[in-house]
PDB file of N, CA and C in Angstrom:
ATOM      1  N   MET A   1       0.989  -1.055   0.103  1.00  0.00           N
ATOM      2  CA  MET A   1      -0.173   0.054  -0.074  1.00  0.00           C
ATOM      3  C   MET A   1       0.717   1.400   0.135  1.00  0.00           C
ATOM      4  N   ALA A   2       2.065   1.172   0.934  1.00  0.00           N
ATOM      5  CA  ALA A   2       2.579   2.441   0.608  1.00  0.00           C
ATOM      6  C   ALA A   2       3.336   2.765  -0.690  1.00  0.00           C
ATOM      7  N   ALA A   3       3.729   1.615  -1.154  1.00  0.00           N
ATOM      8  CA  ALA A   3       4.307   1.850  -2.528  1.00  0.00           C
ATOM      9  C   ALA A   3       3.187   2.626  -3.268  1.00  0.00           C
ATOM     10  N   ALA A   4       2.179   2.111  -3.503  1.00  0.00           N
ATOM     11  CA  ALA A   4       1.430   2.513  -4.234  1.00  0.00           C
ATOM     12  C   ALA A   4       1.219   4.267  -3.854  1.00  0.00           C
ATOM     13  N   VAL A   5       0.835   4.575  -2.676  1.00  0.00           N
ATOM     14  CA  VAL A   5       1.020   5.708  -2.180  1.00  0.00           C
ATOM     15  C   VAL A   5       2.222   6.576  -2.929  1.00  0.00           C
ATOM     16  N   PHE A   6       3.322   6.047  -2.869  1.00  0.00           N
ATOM     17  CA  PHE A   6       4.578   6.788  -3.302  1.00  0.00           C
ATOM     18  C   PHE A   6       4.814   7.008  -4.880  1.00  0.00           C
ATOM     19  N   LEU A   7       3.859   5.925  -5.420  1.00  0.00           N
ATOM     20  CA  LEU A   7       4.077   6.267  -6.964  1.00  0.00           C
ATOM     21  C   LEU A   7       2.574   7.043  -7.507  1.00  0.00           C
ATOM     22  N   LEU A   8       1.615   7.367  -6.501  1.00  0.00           N
ATOM     23  CA  LEU A   8       0.469   8.165  -6.864  1.00  0.00           C
ATOM     24  C   LEU A   8       1.063   9.606  -6.779  1.00  0.00           C
ATOM     25  N   ILE A   9       1.770   9.998  -5.662  1.00  0.00           N
ATOM     26  CA  ILE A   9       2.192  11.486  -5.575  1.00  0.00           C
ATOM     27  C   ILE A   9       2.423  12.280  -6.449  1.00  0.00           C
ATOM     28  N   PRO A  10       3.441  11.749  -7.345  1.00  0.00           N
ATOM     29  CA  PRO A  10       4.051  12.799  -8.455  1.00  0.00           C
ATOM     30  C   PRO A  10       3.079  12.769  -9.358  1.00  0.00           C
ATOM     31  N   PHE A  11       2.115  11.895  -9.373  1.00  0.00           N
ATOM     32  CA  PHE A  11       1.142  12.240 -10.540  1.00  0.00           C
ATOM     33  C   PHE A  11       0.118  13.251 -10.070  1.00  0.00           C
ATOM     34  N   VAL A  12      -0.479  13.002  -9.099  1.00  0.00           N
ATOM     35  CA  VAL A  12      -1.240  14.046  -8.287  1.00  0.00           C
ATOM     36  C   VAL A  12      -0.501  15.491  -8.293  1.00  0.00           C
ATOM     37  N   VAL A  13       0.705  15.705  -7.710  1.00  0.00           N
ATOM     38  CA  VAL A  13       1.443  16.828  -8.127  1.00  0.00           C
ATOM     39  C   VAL A  13       1.171  17.618  -9.659  1.00  0.00           C
ATOM     40  N   TYR A  14       1.887  16.619 -10.602  1.00  0.00           N
ATOM     41  CA  TYR A  14       2.110  16.951 -11.961  1.00  0.00           C
ATOM     42  C   TYR A  14       0.847  17.626 -12.563  1.00  0.00           C
ATOM     43  N   LEU A  15      -0.274  16.850 -12.027  1.00  0.00           N
ATOM     44  CA  LEU A  15      -1.565  16.999 -12.607  1.00  0.00           C
ATOM     45  C   LEU A  15      -2.498  18.395 -11.714  1.00  0.00           C
ATOM     46  N   SER A  16      -1.730  18.840 -11.086  1.00  0.00           N
ATOM     47  CA  SER A  16      -2.317  19.935 -10.190  1.00  0.00           C
ATOM     48  C   SER A  16      -1.696  21.038 -10.756  1.00  0.00           C
ATOM     49  N   VAL A  17      -1.544  21.556 -11.819  1.00  0.00           N
ATOM     50  CA  VAL A  17      -0.692  22.691 -12.642  1.00  0.00           C
ATOM     51  C   VAL A  17      -1.526  24.012 -12.170  1.00  0.00           C
ATOM     52  N   PRO A  18      -2.675  24.014 -12.192  1.00  0.00           N
ATOM     53  CA  PRO A  18      -2.782  25.424 -11.579  1.00  0.00           C
ATOM     54  C   PRO A  18      -2.226  25.875 -10.047  1.00  0.00           C
ATOM     55  N   SER A  19      -1.515  24.949  -9.355  1.00  0.00           N
ATOM     56  CA  SER A  19      -1.039  25.211  -7.873  1.00  0.00           C
ATOM     57  C   SER A  19       0.239  25.453  -8.169  1.00  0.00           C
ATOM     58  N   TYR A  20       1.027  25.541  -9.225  1.00  0.00           N
ATOM     59  CA  TYR A  20       2.675  25.737  -9.584  1.00  0.00           C
ATOM     60  C   TYR A  20       2.236  26.869 -10.978  1.00  0.00           C
ATOM     61  N   ASN A  21       1.341  27.134 -11.547  1.00  0.00           N
ATOM     62  CA  ASN A  21       1.310  27.821 -12.803  1.00  0.00           C
ATOM     63  C   ASN A  21       1.799  29.305 -12.329  1.00  0.00           C
ATOM     64  N   MET A  22       3.080  29.528 -12.170  1.00  0.00           N
ATOM     65  CA  MET A  22       3.332  31.192 -11.966  1.00  0.00           C
ATOM     66  C   MET A  22       4.540  31.425 -11.960  1.00  0.00           C
ATOM     67  N   VAL A  23       5.279  32.500 -12.165  1.00  0.00           N
ATOM     68  CA  VAL A  23       6.245  33.043 -12.917  1.00  0.00           C
ATOM     69  C   VAL A  23       7.070  33.268 -11.266  1.00  0.00           C
ATOM     70  N   ASP A  24       6.715  33.905 -10.106  1.00  0.00           N
ATOM     71  CA  ASP A  24       7.438  34.313  -9.001  1.00  0.00           C
ATOM     72  C   ASP A  24       7.364  33.350  -8.066  1.00  0.00           C
ATOM     73  N   PRO A  25       7.734  32.769  -6.861  1.00  0.00           N
ATOM     74  CA  PRO A  25       9.115  33.322  -6.929  1.00  0.00           C
ATOM     75  C   PRO A  25      10.482  32.616  -7.964  1.00  0.00           C
ATOM     76  N   LYS A  26      11.276  33.483  -8.272  1.00  0.00           N
ATOM     77  CA  LYS A  26      12.350  32.686  -9.234  1.00  0.00           C
ATOM     78  C   LYS A  26      13.642  32.474  -8.454  1.00  0.00           C
ATOM     79  N   PHE A  27      14.323  31.286  -8.944  1.00  0.00           N
ATOM     80  CA  PHE A  27      15.377  30.290  -8.243  1.00  0.00           C
ATOM     81  C   PHE A  27      16.391  30.456  -9.549  1.00  0.00           C
ATOM     82  N   TYR A  28      17.464  31.219  -9.351  1.00  0.00           N
ATOM     83  CA  TYR A  28      18.747  31.076 -10.255  1.00  0.00           C
ATOM     84  C   TYR A  28      18.469  31.847 -11.472  1.00  0.00           C
ATOM     85  N   GLY A  29      17.079  32.780 -11.550  1.00  0.00           N
ATOM     86  CA  GLY A  29      16.436  33.126 -12.740  1.00  0.00           C
ATOM     87  C   GLY A  29      15.566  32.487 -13.273  1.00  0.00           C
ATOM     88  N   LEU A  30      15.314  31.652 -12.931  1.00  0.00           N
ATOM     89  CA  LEU A  30      14.365  30.237 -13.625  1.00  0.00           C
ATOM     90  C   LEU A  30      13.040  30.627 -12.847  1.00  0.00           C
ATOM     91  N   PRO A  31      12.057  30.756 -13.698  1.00  0.00           N
ATOM     92  CA  PRO A  31      10.618  30.921 -13.257  1.00  0.00           C
ATOM     93  C   PRO A  31      10.109  29.625 -12.245  1.00  0.00           C
ATOM     94  N   PHE A  32       9.177  29.927 -11.420  1.00  0.00           N
ATOM     95  CA  PHE A  32       8.776  29.080 -10.311  1.00  0.00           C
ATOM     96  C   PHE A  32       8.285  27.758 -11.334  1.00  0.00           C
ATOM     97  N   PHE A  33       7.520  27.949 -12.179  1.00  0.00           N
ATOM     98  CA  PHE A  33       6.861  26.660 -12.945  1.00  0.00           C
ATOM     99  C   PHE A  33       8.081  25.734 -13.679  1.00  0.00           C
ATOM    100  N   TYR A  34       9.146  26.164 -13.720  1.00  0.00           N
ATOM    101  CA  TYR A  34      10.053  25.401 -14.597  1.00  0.00           C
ATOM    102  C   TYR A  34      10.818  24.702 -13.434  1.00  0.00           C
ATOM    103  N   TRP A  35      11.397  25.224 -12.173  1.00  0.00           N
ATOM    104  CA  TRP A  35      12.209  25.024 -11.568  1.00  0.00           C
ATOM    105  C   TRP A  35      11.452  23.902 -10.468  1.00  0.00           C
ATOM    106  N   TYR A  36      10.383  24.182 -10.198  1.00  0.00           N
ATOM    107  CA  TYR A  36       9.355  23.131  -9.442  1.00  0.00           C
ATOM    108  C   TYR A  36       8.876  21.831 -10.097  1.00  0.00           C
ATOM    109  N   GLN A  37       8.960  22.166 -11.408  1.00  0.00           N
ATOM    110  CA  GLN A  37       8.697  20.868 -12.386  1.00  0.00           C
ATOM    111  C   GLN A  37      10.235  19.863 -12.102  1.00  0.00           C
ATOM    112  N   THR A  38      11.356  20.707 -12.105  1.00  0.00           N
ATOM    113  CA  THR A  38      12.887  20.277 -12.268  1.00  0.00           C
ATOM    114  C   THR A  38      12.766  19.438 -10.806  1.00  0.00           C
ATOM    115  N   LEU A  39      12.594  20.203  -9.863  1.00  0.00           N
ATOM    116  CA  LEU A  39      12.464  19.561  -8.415  1.00  0.00           C
ATOM    117  C   LEU A  39      11.702  18.225  -8.210  1.00  0.00           C
ATOM    118  N   TRP A  40      10.438  18.314  -8.930  1.00  0.00           N
ATOM    119  CA  TRP A  40       9.544  17.262  -8.688  1.00  0.00           C
ATOM    120  C   TRP A  40      10.152  16.067  -9.799  1.00  0.00           C
ATOM    121  N   LEU A  41      10.945  16.520 -10.519  1.00  0.00           N
ATOM    122  CA  LEU A  41      11.266  15.226 -11.632  1.00  0.00           C
ATOM    123  C   LEU A  41      12.284  14.421 -10.550  1.00  0.00           C
ATOM    124  N   VAL A  42      12.972  14.936  -9.709  1.00  0.00           N
ATOM    125  CA  VAL A  42      14.055  14.615  -9.005  1.00  0.00           C
ATOM    126  C   VAL A  42      13.651  13.569  -7.734  1.00  0.00           C
ATOM    127  N   LEU A  43      12.540  14.527  -7.300  1.00  0.00           N
ATOM    128  CA  LEU A  43      11.321  13.805  -6.121  1.00  0.00           C
ATOM    129  C   LEU A  43      10.902  12.511  -6.875  1.00  0.00           C
ATOM    130  N   SER A  44      10.375  12.490  -8.078  1.00  0.00           N
ATOM    131  CA  SER A  44       9.589  11.524  -8.447  1.00  0.00           C
ATOM    132  C   SER A  44      10.682  10.318  -8.599  1.00  0.00           C
ATOM    133  N   GLY A  45      11.649  10.410  -8.822  1.00  0.00           N
ATOM    134  CA  GLY A  45      13.022   9.469  -9.033  1.00  0.00           C
ATOM    135  C   GLY A  45      13.234   8.682  -7.850  1.00  0.00           C
ATOM    136  N   ILE A  46      13.192   9.740  -6.711  1.00  0.00           N
ATOM    137  CA  ILE A  46      13.487   8.853  -5.376  1.00  0.00           C
ATOM    138  C   ILE A  46      12.479   8.384  -5.017  1.00  0.00           C
ATOM    139  N   LEU A  47      11.174   8.946  -5.185  1.00  0.00           N
ATOM    140  CA  LEU A  47       9.926   8.003  -4.650  1.00  0.00           C
ATOM    141  C   LEU A  47       9.594   6.808  -5.504  1.00  0.00           C
ATOM    142  N   PHE A  48       9.966   6.669  -6.732  1.00  0.00           N
ATOM    143  CA  PHE A  48       9.506   5.647  -7.617  1.00  0.00           C
ATOM    144  C   PHE A  48      10.516   4.639  -7.156  1.00  0.00           C
ATOM    145  N   GLY A  49      11.857   5.026  -6.777  1.00  0.00           N
ATOM    146  CA  GLY A  49      12.856   4.071  -6.051  1.00  0.00           C
ATOM    147  C   GLY A  49      12.455   3.611  -4.984  1.00  0.00           C
ATOM    148  N   LEU A  50      11.686   4.666  -4.282  1.00  0.00           N
ATOM    149  CA  LEU A  50      11.562   3.757  -2.649  1.00  0.00           C
ATOM    150  C   LEU A  50      10.225   2.726  -2.966  1.00  0.00           C
ATOM    151  N   ALA A  51       9.496   3.046  -3.962  1.00  0.00           N
ATOM    152  CA  ALA A  51       8.622   2.067  -4.217  1.00  0.00           C
ATOM    153  C   ALA A  51       8.869   0.683  -4.937  1.00  0.00           C
ATOM    154  N   ALA A  52       9.781   1.030  -5.531  1.00  0.00           N
ATOM    155  CA  ALA A  52      10.309  -0.329  -6.169  1.00  0.00           C
ATOM    156  C   ALA A  52      11.304  -1.154  -5.077  1.00  0.00           C
ATOM    157  N   TRP A  53      11.814  -0.193  -4.206  1.00  0.00           N
ATOM    158  CA  TRP A  53      12.473  -1.288  -3.171  1.00  0.00           C
ATOM    159  C   TRP A  53      11.385  -1.636  -2.171  1.00  0.00           C
ATOM    160  N   LEU A  54      10.022  -0.873  -1.841  1.00  0.00           N
ATOM    161  CA  LEU A  54       9.276  -1.332  -0.982  1.00  0.00           C
ATOM    162  C   LEU A  54       8.596  -2.639  -1.720  1.00  0.00           C
ATOM    163  N   ILE A  55       8.475  -2.753  -3.170  1.00  0.00           N
ATOM    164  CA  ILE A  55       7.948  -3.928  -3.698  1.00  0.00           C
ATOM    165  C   ILE A  55       8.824  -5.213  -3.989  1.00  0.00           C
ATOM    166  N   ASN A  56      10.054  -5.155  -4.133  1.00  0.00           N
ATOM    167  CA  ASN A  56      11.130  -5.966  -4.356  1.00  0.00           C
ATOM    168  C   ASN A  56      11.514  -6.371  -2.823  1.00  0.00           C
ATOM    169  N   ARG A  57      11.162  -5.697  -1.850  1.00  0.00           N
ATOM    170  CA  ARG A  57      12.235  -6.157  -0.490  1.00  0.00           C
ATOM    171  C   ARG A  57      11.796  -7.708   0.121  1.00  0.00           C
ATOM    172  N   GLY A  58      10.721  -8.254  -0.552  1.00  0.00           N
ATOM    173  CA  GLY A  58      10.281  -9.589  -0.099  1.00  0.00           C
ATOM    174  C   GLY A  58      10.896 -10.645  -0.862  1.00  0.00           C
ATOM    175  N   GLU A  59      11.606 -10.347  -2.045  1.00  0.00           N
ATOM    176  CA  GLU A  59      11.855 -11.328  -2.693  1.00  0.00           C
ATOM    177  C   GLU A  59      13.286 -11.960  -2.454  1.00  0.00           C
TER     178      GLU A  59
END
């Protein structure tokens, strides 16, 4: 069940575009829209890795 939650979190975040569809605050000159998506790209990889570990730890 925890693995499913880890897999669902990135999809929910990516689908909630109005929550991050803005320019400010900027991070090193990048608008919020871009650096927020880039941050979630890394976090998604971590969450997917944790989900894979949870699924495969019983083998």
